[in-house]
Amino acid sequence: YGMSETCGGCVYDGIPLDGVQLTSLDGRLRIGGTVLAEG
């Protein structure tokens, strides 16, 4: 699971890659970590 904004897949079989954080804010997933795009 991932997208261009996270350099592609950042969750493998439900487990975030090292250095990747995910939270659910009001049901919406948000992703943090060094894999994030600059914008």
PDB file of all heavy atoms in Angstrom:
ATOM      1  N   TYR A   1       0.860  -1.190   0.000  1.00  0.00           N
ATOM      2  CA  TYR A   1       0.000   0.000   0.000  1.00  0.00           C
ATOM      3  C   TYR A   1       0.892   1.235   0.000  1.00  0.00           C
ATOM      4  O   TYR A   1       1.856   1.324   0.783  1.00  0.00           O
ATOM      5  CB  TYR A   1      -0.905   0.012   1.230  1.00  0.00           C
ATOM      6  CG  TYR A   1      -1.628   1.326   1.439  1.00  0.00           C
ATOM      7  CD1 TYR A   1      -2.652   1.725   0.595  1.00  0.00           C
ATOM      8  CD2 TYR A   1      -1.265   2.182   2.479  1.00  0.00           C
ATOM      9  CE1 TYR A   1      -3.308   2.935   0.773  1.00  0.00           C
ATOM     10  CE2 TYR A   1      -1.915   3.390   2.674  1.00  0.00           C
ATOM     11  CZ  TYR A   1      -2.937   3.766   1.815  1.00  0.00           C
ATOM     12  OH  TYR A   1      -3.574   4.965   1.989  1.00  0.00           O
ATOM     13  N   GLY A   2       0.587   2.149  -0.866  1.00  0.00           N
ATOM     14  CA  GLY A   2       1.342   3.392  -0.941  1.00  0.00           C
ATOM     15  C   GLY A   2       0.931   4.172  -2.176  1.00  0.00           C
ATOM     16  O   GLY A   2       0.004   3.789  -2.898  1.00  0.00           O
ATOM     17  N   MET A   3       1.626   5.256  -2.436  1.00  0.00           N
ATOM     18  CA  MET A   3       1.294   6.117  -3.563  1.00  0.00           C
ATOM     19  C   MET A   3       2.527   6.911  -3.963  1.00  0.00           C
ATOM     20  O   MET A   3       3.576   6.808  -3.314  1.00  0.00           O
ATOM     21  CB  MET A   3       0.126   7.053  -3.192  1.00  0.00           C
ATOM     22  CG  MET A   3       0.330   7.899  -1.963  1.00  0.00           C
ATOM     23  SD  MET A   3       0.065   7.028  -0.369  1.00  0.00           S
ATOM     24  CE  MET A   3      -1.650   6.557  -0.489  1.00  0.00           C
ATOM     25  N   SER A   4       2.401   7.701  -5.006  1.00  0.00           N
ATOM     26  CA  SER A   4       3.549   8.503  -5.452  1.00  0.00           C
ATOM     27  C   SER A   4       4.069   9.381  -4.327  1.00  0.00           C
ATOM     28  O   SER A   4       5.282   9.585  -4.201  1.00  0.00           O
ATOM     29  CB  SER A   4       3.152   9.369  -6.651  1.00  0.00           C
ATOM     30  OG  SER A   4       2.746   8.577  -7.742  1.00  0.00           O
ATOM     31  N   GLU A   5       3.174   9.901  -3.512  1.00  0.00           N
ATOM     32  CA  GLU A   5       3.548  10.815  -2.438  1.00  0.00           C
ATOM     33  C   GLU A   5       4.348  10.141  -1.329  1.00  0.00           C
ATOM     34  O   GLU A   5       4.893  10.819  -0.458  1.00  0.00           O
ATOM     35  CB  GLU A   5       2.291  11.469  -1.854  1.00  0.00           C
ATOM     36  CG  GLU A   5       1.571  12.413  -2.797  1.00  0.00           C
ATOM     37  CD  GLU A   5       0.568  11.733  -3.709  1.00  0.00           C
ATOM     38  OE1 GLU A   5       0.569  10.473  -3.785  1.00  0.00           O
ATOM     39  OE2 GLU A   5      -0.230  12.443  -4.354  1.00  0.00           O
ATOM     40  N   THR A   6       4.400   8.803  -1.332  1.00  0.00           N
ATOM     41  CA  THR A   6       5.190   8.064  -0.332  1.00  0.00           C
ATOM     42  C   THR A   6       6.287   7.235  -0.997  1.00  0.00           C
ATOM     43  O   THR A   6       6.715   6.216  -0.456  1.00  0.00           O
ATOM     44  CB  THR A   6       4.288   7.144   0.515  1.00  0.00           C
ATOM     45  OG1 THR A   6       3.649   6.187  -0.351  1.00  0.00           O
ATOM     46  CG2 THR A   6       3.237   7.939   1.256  1.00  0.00           C
ATOM     47  N   CYS A   7       6.720   7.653  -2.184  1.00  0.00           N
ATOM     48  CA  CYS A   7       7.727   6.902  -2.954  1.00  0.00           C
ATOM     49  C   CYS A   7       7.251   5.490  -3.255  1.00  0.00           C
ATOM     50  O   CYS A   7       8.041   4.543  -3.313  1.00  0.00           O
ATOM     51  CB  CYS A   7       9.066   6.858  -2.228  1.00  0.00           C
ATOM     52  SG  CYS A   7       9.915   8.447  -2.129  1.00  0.00           S
ATOM     53  N   GLY A   8       5.950   5.329  -3.463  1.00  0.00           N
ATOM     54  CA  GLY A   8       5.395   4.014  -3.752  1.00  0.00           C
ATOM     55  C   GLY A   8       5.014   3.288  -2.479  1.00  0.00           C
ATOM     56  O   GLY A   8       4.692   3.905  -1.454  1.00  0.00           O
ATOM     57  N   GLY A   9       5.045   1.962  -2.521  1.00  0.00           N
ATOM     58  CA  GLY A   9       4.599   1.154  -1.391  1.00  0.00           C
ATOM     59  C   GLY A   9       5.371   1.451  -0.122  1.00  0.00           C
ATOM     60  O   GLY A   9       6.602   1.419  -0.110  1.00  0.00           O
ATOM     61  N   CYS A  10       4.645   1.738   0.951  1.00  0.00           N
ATOM     62  CA  CYS A  10       5.276   2.012   2.245  1.00  0.00           C
ATOM     63  C   CYS A  10       4.696   1.131   3.344  1.00  0.00           C
ATOM     64  O   CYS A  10       5.114   1.212   4.496  1.00  0.00           O
ATOM     65  CB  CYS A  10       5.131   3.488   2.615  1.00  0.00           C
ATOM     66  SG  CYS A  10       3.435   4.052   2.833  1.00  0.00           S
ATOM     67  N   VAL A  11       3.722   0.284   2.985  1.00  0.00           N
ATOM     68  CA  VAL A  11       3.154  -0.707   3.904  1.00  0.00           C
ATOM     69  C   VAL A  11       3.164  -2.040   3.179  1.00  0.00           C
ATOM     70  O   VAL A  11       2.607  -2.173   2.090  1.00  0.00           O
ATOM     71  CB  VAL A  11       1.715  -0.338   4.322  1.00  0.00           C
ATOM     72  CG1 VAL A  11       1.119  -1.423   5.217  1.00  0.00           C
ATOM     73  CG2 VAL A  11       1.683   1.009   5.028  1.00  0.00           C
ATOM     74  N   TYR A  12       3.822  -3.050   3.773  1.00  0.00           N
ATOM     75  CA  TYR A  12       3.941  -4.374   3.165  1.00  0.00           C
ATOM     76  C   TYR A  12       3.199  -5.396   4.015  1.00  0.00           C
ATOM     77  O   TYR A  12       3.541  -5.593   5.196  1.00  0.00           O
ATOM     78  CB  TYR A  12       5.405  -4.782   3.043  1.00  0.00           C
ATOM     79  CG  TYR A  12       6.170  -4.097   1.928  1.00  0.00           C
ATOM     80  CD1 TYR A  12       5.690  -2.939   1.302  1.00  0.00           C
ATOM     81  CD2 TYR A  12       7.380  -4.606   1.484  1.00  0.00           C
ATOM     82  CE1 TYR A  12       6.389  -2.320   0.292  1.00  0.00           C
ATOM     83  CE2 TYR A  12       8.103  -3.992   0.460  1.00  0.00           C
ATOM     84  CZ  TYR A  12       7.591  -2.848  -0.127  1.00  0.00           C
ATOM     85  OH  TYR A  12       8.293  -2.229  -1.145  1.00  0.00           O
ATOM     86  N   ASP A  13       2.196  -6.021   3.415  1.00  0.00           N
ATOM     87  CA  ASP A  13       1.360  -6.994   4.146  1.00  0.00           C
ATOM     88  C   ASP A  13       0.876  -6.415   5.471  1.00  0.00           C
ATOM     89  O   ASP A  13       0.877  -7.086   6.514  1.00  0.00           O
ATOM     90  CB  ASP A  13       2.128  -8.297   4.385  1.00  0.00           C
ATOM     91  CG  ASP A  13       2.199  -9.173   3.136  1.00  0.00           C
ATOM     92  OD1 ASP A  13       1.357  -8.994   2.246  1.00  0.00           O
ATOM     93  OD2 ASP A  13       3.093 -10.032   3.054  1.00  0.00           O
ATOM     94  N   GLY A  14       0.464  -5.148   5.438  1.00  0.00           N
ATOM     95  CA  GLY A  14      -0.105  -4.503   6.612  1.00  0.00           C
ATOM     96  C   GLY A  14       0.898  -3.915   7.577  1.00  0.00           C
ATOM     97  O   GLY A  14       0.500  -3.267   8.553  1.00  0.00           O
ATOM     98  N   ILE A  15       2.197  -4.108   7.327  1.00  0.00           N
ATOM     99  CA  ILE A  15       3.231  -3.622   8.233  1.00  0.00           C
ATOM    100  C   ILE A  15       3.967  -2.447   7.588  1.00  0.00           C
ATOM    101  O   ILE A  15       4.527  -2.599   6.499  1.00  0.00           O
ATOM    102  CB  ILE A  15       4.250  -4.727   8.574  1.00  0.00           C
ATOM    103  CG1 ILE A  15       3.526  -5.969   9.106  1.00  0.00           C
ATOM    104  CG2 ILE A  15       5.280  -4.216   9.573  1.00  0.00           C
ATOM    105  CD1 ILE A  15       2.740  -5.727  10.375  1.00  0.00           C
ATOM    106  N   PRO A  16       3.988  -1.271   8.242  1.00  0.00           N
ATOM    107  CA  PRO A  16       4.727  -0.130   7.666  1.00  0.00           C
ATOM    108  C   PRO A  16       6.222  -0.433   7.563  1.00  0.00           C
ATOM    109  O   PRO A  16       6.790  -1.152   8.396  1.00  0.00           O
ATOM    110  CB  PRO A  16       4.461   1.002   8.665  1.00  0.00           C
ATOM    111  CG  PRO A  16       3.220   0.598   9.397  1.00  0.00           C
ATOM    112  CD  PRO A  16       3.273  -0.900   9.470  1.00  0.00           C
ATOM    113  N   LEU A  17       6.860   0.099   6.529  1.00  0.00           N
ATOM    114  CA  LEU A  17       8.302  -0.024   6.407  1.00  0.00           C
ATOM    115  C   LEU A  17       8.982   0.693   7.564  1.00  0.00           C
ATOM    116  O   LEU A  17       8.397   1.576   8.202  1.00  0.00           O
ATOM    117  CB  LEU A  17       8.776   0.599   5.083  1.00  0.00           C
ATOM    118  CG  LEU A  17       8.253  -0.011   3.777  1.00  0.00           C
ATOM    119  CD1 LEU A  17       8.895   0.696   2.586  1.00  0.00           C
ATOM    120  CD2 LEU A  17       8.503  -1.502   3.719  1.00  0.00           C
ATOM    121  N   ASP A  18      10.226   0.323   7.841  1.00  0.00           N
ATOM    122  CA  ASP A  18      10.996   0.996   8.883  1.00  0.00           C
ATOM    123  C   ASP A  18      11.007   2.506   8.624  1.00  0.00           C
ATOM    124  O   ASP A  18      11.253   2.957   7.509  1.00  0.00           O
ATOM    125  CB  ASP A  18      12.442   0.486   8.893  1.00  0.00           C
ATOM    126  CG  ASP A  18      12.578  -0.853   9.599  1.00  0.00           C
ATOM    127  OD1 ASP A  18      11.549  -1.388  10.041  1.00  0.00           O
ATOM    128  OD2 ASP A  18      13.715  -1.351   9.692  1.00  0.00           O
ATOM    129  N   GLY A  19      10.720   3.279   9.678  1.00  0.00           N
ATOM    130  CA  GLY A  19      10.735   4.727   9.549  1.00  0.00           C
ATOM    131  C   GLY A  19       9.434   5.329   9.068  1.00  0.00           C
ATOM    132  O   GLY A  19       9.318   6.553   8.955  1.00  0.00           O
ATOM    133  N   VAL A  20       8.442   4.492   8.778  1.00  0.00           N
ATOM    134  CA  VAL A  20       7.134   4.968   8.302  1.00  0.00           C
ATOM    135  C   VAL A  20       6.127   4.873   9.444  1.00  0.00           C
ATOM    136  O   VAL A  20       6.061   3.863  10.145  1.00  0.00           O
ATOM    137  CB  VAL A  20       6.646   4.148   7.096  1.00  0.00           C
ATOM    138  CG1 VAL A  20       5.225   4.555   6.694  1.00  0.00           C
ATOM    139  CG2 VAL A  20       7.595   4.325   5.919  1.00  0.00           C
ATOM    140  N   GLN A  21       5.352   5.930   9.627  1.00  0.00           N
ATOM    141  CA  GLN A  21       4.311   5.945  10.650  1.00  0.00           C
ATOM    142  C   GLN A  21       2.950   6.173   9.989  1.00  0.00           C
ATOM    143  O   GLN A  21       2.839   6.960   9.047  1.00  0.00           O
ATOM    144  CB  GLN A  21       4.546   7.060  11.677  1.00  0.00           C
ATOM    145  CG  GLN A  21       5.896   7.010  12.379  1.00  0.00           C
ATOM    146  CD  GLN A  21       6.984   7.697  11.607  1.00  0.00           C
ATOM    147  OE1 GLN A  21       6.759   8.708  10.953  1.00  0.00           O
ATOM    148  NE2 GLN A  21       8.197   7.159  11.673  1.00  0.00           N
ATOM    149  N   LEU A  22       1.941   5.484  10.467  1.00  0.00           N
ATOM    150  CA  LEU A  22       0.572   5.705  10.007  1.00  0.00           C
ATOM    151  C   LEU A  22      -0.339   5.923  11.189  1.00  0.00           C
ATOM    152  O   LEU A  22      -0.189   5.275  12.227  1.00  0.00           O
ATOM    153  CB  LEU A  22       0.056   4.518   9.190  1.00  0.00           C
ATOM    154  CG  LEU A  22       0.464   4.496   7.713  1.00  0.00           C
ATOM    155  CD1 LEU A  22       1.773   3.753   7.543  1.00  0.00           C
ATOM    156  CD2 LEU A  22      -0.620   3.890   6.845  1.00  0.00           C
ATOM    157  N   THR A  23      -1.269   6.854  11.039  1.00  0.00           N
ATOM    158  CA  THR A  23      -2.319   7.058  12.023  1.00  0.00           C
ATOM    159  C   THR A  23      -3.635   7.191  11.271  1.00  0.00           C
ATOM    160  O   THR A  23      -3.662   7.411  10.056  1.00  0.00           O
ATOM    161  CB  THR A  23      -2.100   8.333  12.868  1.00  0.00           C
ATOM    162  OG1 THR A  23      -2.143   9.487  12.011  1.00  0.00           O
ATOM    163  CG2 THR A  23      -0.758   8.292  13.586  1.00  0.00           C
ATOM    164  N   SER A  24      -4.722   7.041  11.998  1.00  0.00           N
ATOM    165  CA  SER A  24      -6.048   7.228  11.424  1.00  0.00           C
ATOM    166  C   SER A  24      -6.688   8.418  12.122  1.00  0.00           C
ATOM    167  O   SER A  24      -6.903   8.391  13.340  1.00  0.00           O
ATOM    168  CB  SER A  24      -6.890   5.969  11.607  1.00  0.00           C
ATOM    169  OG  SER A  24      -8.178   6.133  11.048  1.00  0.00           O
ATOM    170  N   LEU A  25      -6.959   9.466  11.377  1.00  0.00           N
ATOM    171  CA  LEU A  25      -7.543  10.690  11.920  1.00  0.00           C
ATOM    172  C   LEU A  25      -8.963  10.812  11.402  1.00  0.00           C
ATOM    173  O   LEU A  25      -9.192  11.053  10.212  1.00  0.00           O
ATOM    174  CB  LEU A  25      -6.708  11.903  11.499  1.00  0.00           C
ATOM    175  CG  LEU A  25      -7.150  13.266  12.042  1.00  0.00           C
ATOM    176  CD1 LEU A  25      -7.014  13.299  13.558  1.00  0.00           C
ATOM    177  CD2 LEU A  25      -6.346  14.381  11.404  1.00  0.00           C
ATOM    178  N   ASP A  26      -9.931  10.600  12.300  1.00  0.00           N
ATOM    179  CA  ASP A  26     -11.349  10.607  11.912  1.00  0.00           C
ATOM    180  C   ASP A  26     -11.606   9.632  10.766  1.00  0.00           C
ATOM    181  O   ASP A  26     -12.394   9.909   9.857  1.00  0.00           O
ATOM    182  CB  ASP A  26     -11.790  12.019  11.510  1.00  0.00           C
ATOM    183  CG  ASP A  26     -11.688  13.011  12.650  1.00  0.00           C
ATOM    184  OD1 ASP A  26     -11.913  12.603  13.802  1.00  0.00           O
ATOM    185  OD2 ASP A  26     -11.364  14.190  12.397  1.00  0.00           O
ATOM    186  N   GLY A  27     -10.929   8.485  10.813  1.00  0.00           N
ATOM    187  CA  GLY A  27     -11.130   7.468   9.797  1.00  0.00           C
ATOM    188  C   GLY A  27     -10.256   7.620   8.566  1.00  0.00           C
ATOM    189  O   GLY A  27     -10.216   6.712   7.727  1.00  0.00           O
ATOM    190  N   ARG A  28      -9.553   8.748   8.437  1.00  0.00           N
ATOM    191  CA  ARG A  28      -8.687   8.982   7.282  1.00  0.00           C
ATOM    192  C   ARG A  28      -7.257   8.602   7.631  1.00  0.00           C
ATOM    193  O   ARG A  28      -6.717   9.033   8.655  1.00  0.00           O
ATOM    194  CB  ARG A  28      -8.734  10.465   6.869  1.00  0.00           C
ATOM    195  CG  ARG A  28      -7.804  10.806   5.691  1.00  0.00           C
ATOM    196  CD  ARG A  28      -7.667  12.313   5.529  1.00  0.00           C
ATOM    197  NE  ARG A  28      -8.925  12.934   5.188  1.00  0.00           N
ATOM    198  CZ  ARG A  28      -9.349  13.164   3.947  1.00  0.00           C
ATOM    199  NH1 ARG A  28      -8.584  12.831   2.922  1.00  0.00           N
ATOM    200  NH2 ARG A  28     -10.511  13.747   3.722  1.00  0.00           N
ATOM    201  N   LEU A  29      -6.627   7.794   6.779  1.00  0.00           N
ATOM    202  CA  LEU A  29      -5.237   7.423   7.003  1.00  0.00           C
ATOM    203  C   LEU A  29      -4.319   8.594   6.669  1.00  0.00           C
ATOM    204  O   LEU A  29      -4.517   9.293   5.674  1.00  0.00           O
ATOM    205  CB  LEU A  29      -4.855   6.226   6.137  1.00  0.00           C
ATOM    206  CG  LEU A  29      -5.444   4.871   6.531  1.00  0.00           C
ATOM    207  CD1 LEU A  29      -5.083   3.822   5.491  1.00  0.00           C
ATOM    208  CD2 LEU A  29      -4.961   4.444   7.914  1.00  0.00           C
ATOM    209  N   ARG A  30      -3.324   8.811   7.533  1.00  0.00           N
ATOM    210  CA  ARG A  30      -2.276   9.773   7.221  1.00  0.00           C
ATOM    211  C   ARG A  30      -0.936   9.090   7.472  1.00  0.00           C
ATOM    212  O   ARG A  30      -0.806   8.241   8.353  1.00  0.00           O
ATOM    213  CB  ARG A  30      -2.429  11.060   8.017  1.00  0.00           C
ATOM    214  CG  ARG A  30      -2.346  10.924   9.518  1.00  0.00           C
ATOM    215  CD  ARG A  30      -2.486  12.287  10.185  1.00  0.00           C
ATOM    216  NE  ARG A  30      -2.196  12.211  11.613  1.00  0.00           N
ATOM    217  CZ  ARG A  30      -2.114  13.266  12.420  1.00  0.00           C
ATOM    218  NH1 ARG A  30      -2.303  14.489  11.926  1.00  0.00           N
ATOM    219  NH2 ARG A  30      -1.845  13.128  13.700  1.00  0.00           N
ATOM    220  N   ILE A  31       0.045   9.476   6.667  1.00  0.00           N
ATOM    221  CA  ILE A  31       1.322   8.779   6.645  1.00  0.00           C
ATOM    222  C   ILE A  31       2.444   9.760   6.938  1.00  0.00           C
ATOM    223  O   ILE A  31       2.472  10.877   6.387  1.00  0.00           O
ATOM    224  CB  ILE A  31       1.554   8.120   5.274  1.00  0.00           C
ATOM    225  CG1 ILE A  31       0.394   7.178   4.930  1.00  0.00           C
ATOM    226  CG2 ILE A  31       2.882   7.369   5.237  1.00  0.00           C
ATOM    227  CD1 ILE A  31       0.433   6.636   3.518  1.00  0.00           C
ATOM    228  N   GLY A  32       3.366   9.364   7.808  1.00  0.00           N
ATOM    229  CA  GLY A  32       4.532  10.177   8.123  1.00  0.00           C
ATOM    230  C   GLY A  32       5.801   9.380   7.923  1.00  0.00           C
ATOM    231  O   GLY A  32       5.779   8.158   7.783  1.00  0.00           O
ATOM    232  N   GLY A  33       6.939  10.100   7.899  1.00  0.00           N
ATOM    233  CA  GLY A  33       8.219   9.413   7.761  1.00  0.00           C
ATOM    234  C   GLY A  33       9.064  10.010   6.658  1.00  0.00           C
ATOM    235  O   GLY A  33       8.617  10.889   5.906  1.00  0.00           O
ATOM    236  N   THR A  34      10.274   9.521   6.531  1.00  0.00           N
ATOM    237  CA  THR A  34      11.225  10.085   5.571  1.00  0.00           C
ATOM    238  C   THR A  34      10.886   9.742   4.126  1.00  0.00           C
ATOM    239  O   THR A  34      11.512  10.283   3.209  1.00  0.00           O
ATOM    240  CB  THR A  34      12.648   9.589   5.881  1.00  0.00           C
ATOM    241  OG1 THR A  34      12.624   8.165   6.023  1.00  0.00           O
ATOM    242  CG2 THR A  34      13.176  10.214   7.160  1.00  0.00           C
ATOM    243  N   VAL A  35       9.929   8.845   3.890  1.00  0.00           N
ATOM    244  CA  VAL A  35       9.566   8.499   2.520  1.00  0.00           C
ATOM    245  C   VAL A  35       8.651   9.535   1.874  1.00  0.00           C
ATOM    246  O   VAL A  35       8.334   9.423   0.689  1.00  0.00           O
ATOM    247  CB  VAL A  35       8.883   7.118   2.451  1.00  0.00           C
ATOM    248  CG1 VAL A  35       9.817   6.025   2.946  1.00  0.00           C
ATOM    249  CG2 VAL A  35       7.578   7.100   3.226  1.00  0.00           C
ATOM    250  N   LEU A  36       8.220  10.540   2.619  1.00  0.00           N
ATOM    251  CA  LEU A  36       7.259  11.503   2.081  1.00  0.00           C
ATOM    252  C   LEU A  36       7.871  12.396   1.012  1.00  0.00           C
ATOM    253  O   LEU A  36       9.023  12.825   1.103  1.00  0.00           O
ATOM    254  CB  LEU A  36       6.692  12.394   3.191  1.00  0.00           C
ATOM    255  CG  LEU A  36       5.773  11.756   4.227  1.00  0.00           C
ATOM    256  CD1 LEU A  36       5.088  12.838   5.044  1.00  0.00           C
ATOM    257  CD2 LEU A  36       4.745  10.847   3.576  1.00  0.00           C
ATOM    258  N   ALA A  37       7.062  12.696  -0.009  1.00  0.00           N
ATOM    259  CA  ALA A  37       7.453  13.639  -1.046  1.00  0.00           C
ATOM    260  C   ALA A  37       7.578  15.041  -0.459  1.00  0.00           C
ATOM    261  O   ALA A  37       7.064  15.336   0.638  1.00  0.00           O
ATOM    262  CB  ALA A  37       6.423  13.631  -2.173  1.00  0.00           C
ATOM    263  N   GLU A  38       8.237  15.901  -1.203  1.00  0.00           N
ATOM    264  CA  GLU A  38       8.395  17.294  -0.776  1.00  0.00           C
ATOM    265  C   GLU A  38       7.182  18.141  -1.111  1.00  0.00           C
ATOM    266  O   GLU A  38       7.086  19.285  -0.674  1.00  0.00           O
ATOM    267  CB  GLU A  38       9.635  17.899  -1.445  1.00  0.00           C
ATOM    268  CG  GLU A  38      10.940  17.237  -1.032  1.00  0.00           C
ATOM    269  CD  GLU A  38      11.147  17.313   0.467  1.00  0.00           C
ATOM    270  OE1 GLU A  38      11.198  18.430   1.020  1.00  0.00           O
ATOM    271  OE2 GLU A  38      11.239  16.231   1.101  1.00  0.00           O
ATOM    272  N   GLY A  39       6.252  17.595  -1.885  1.00  0.00           N
ATOM    273  CA  GLY A  39       5.062  18.332  -2.282  1.00  0.00           C
ATOM    274  C   GLY A  39       4.841  18.201  -3.775  1.00  0.00           C
ATOM    275  O   GLY A  39       5.444  17.344  -4.435  1.00  0.00           O
TER     276      GLY A  39
END
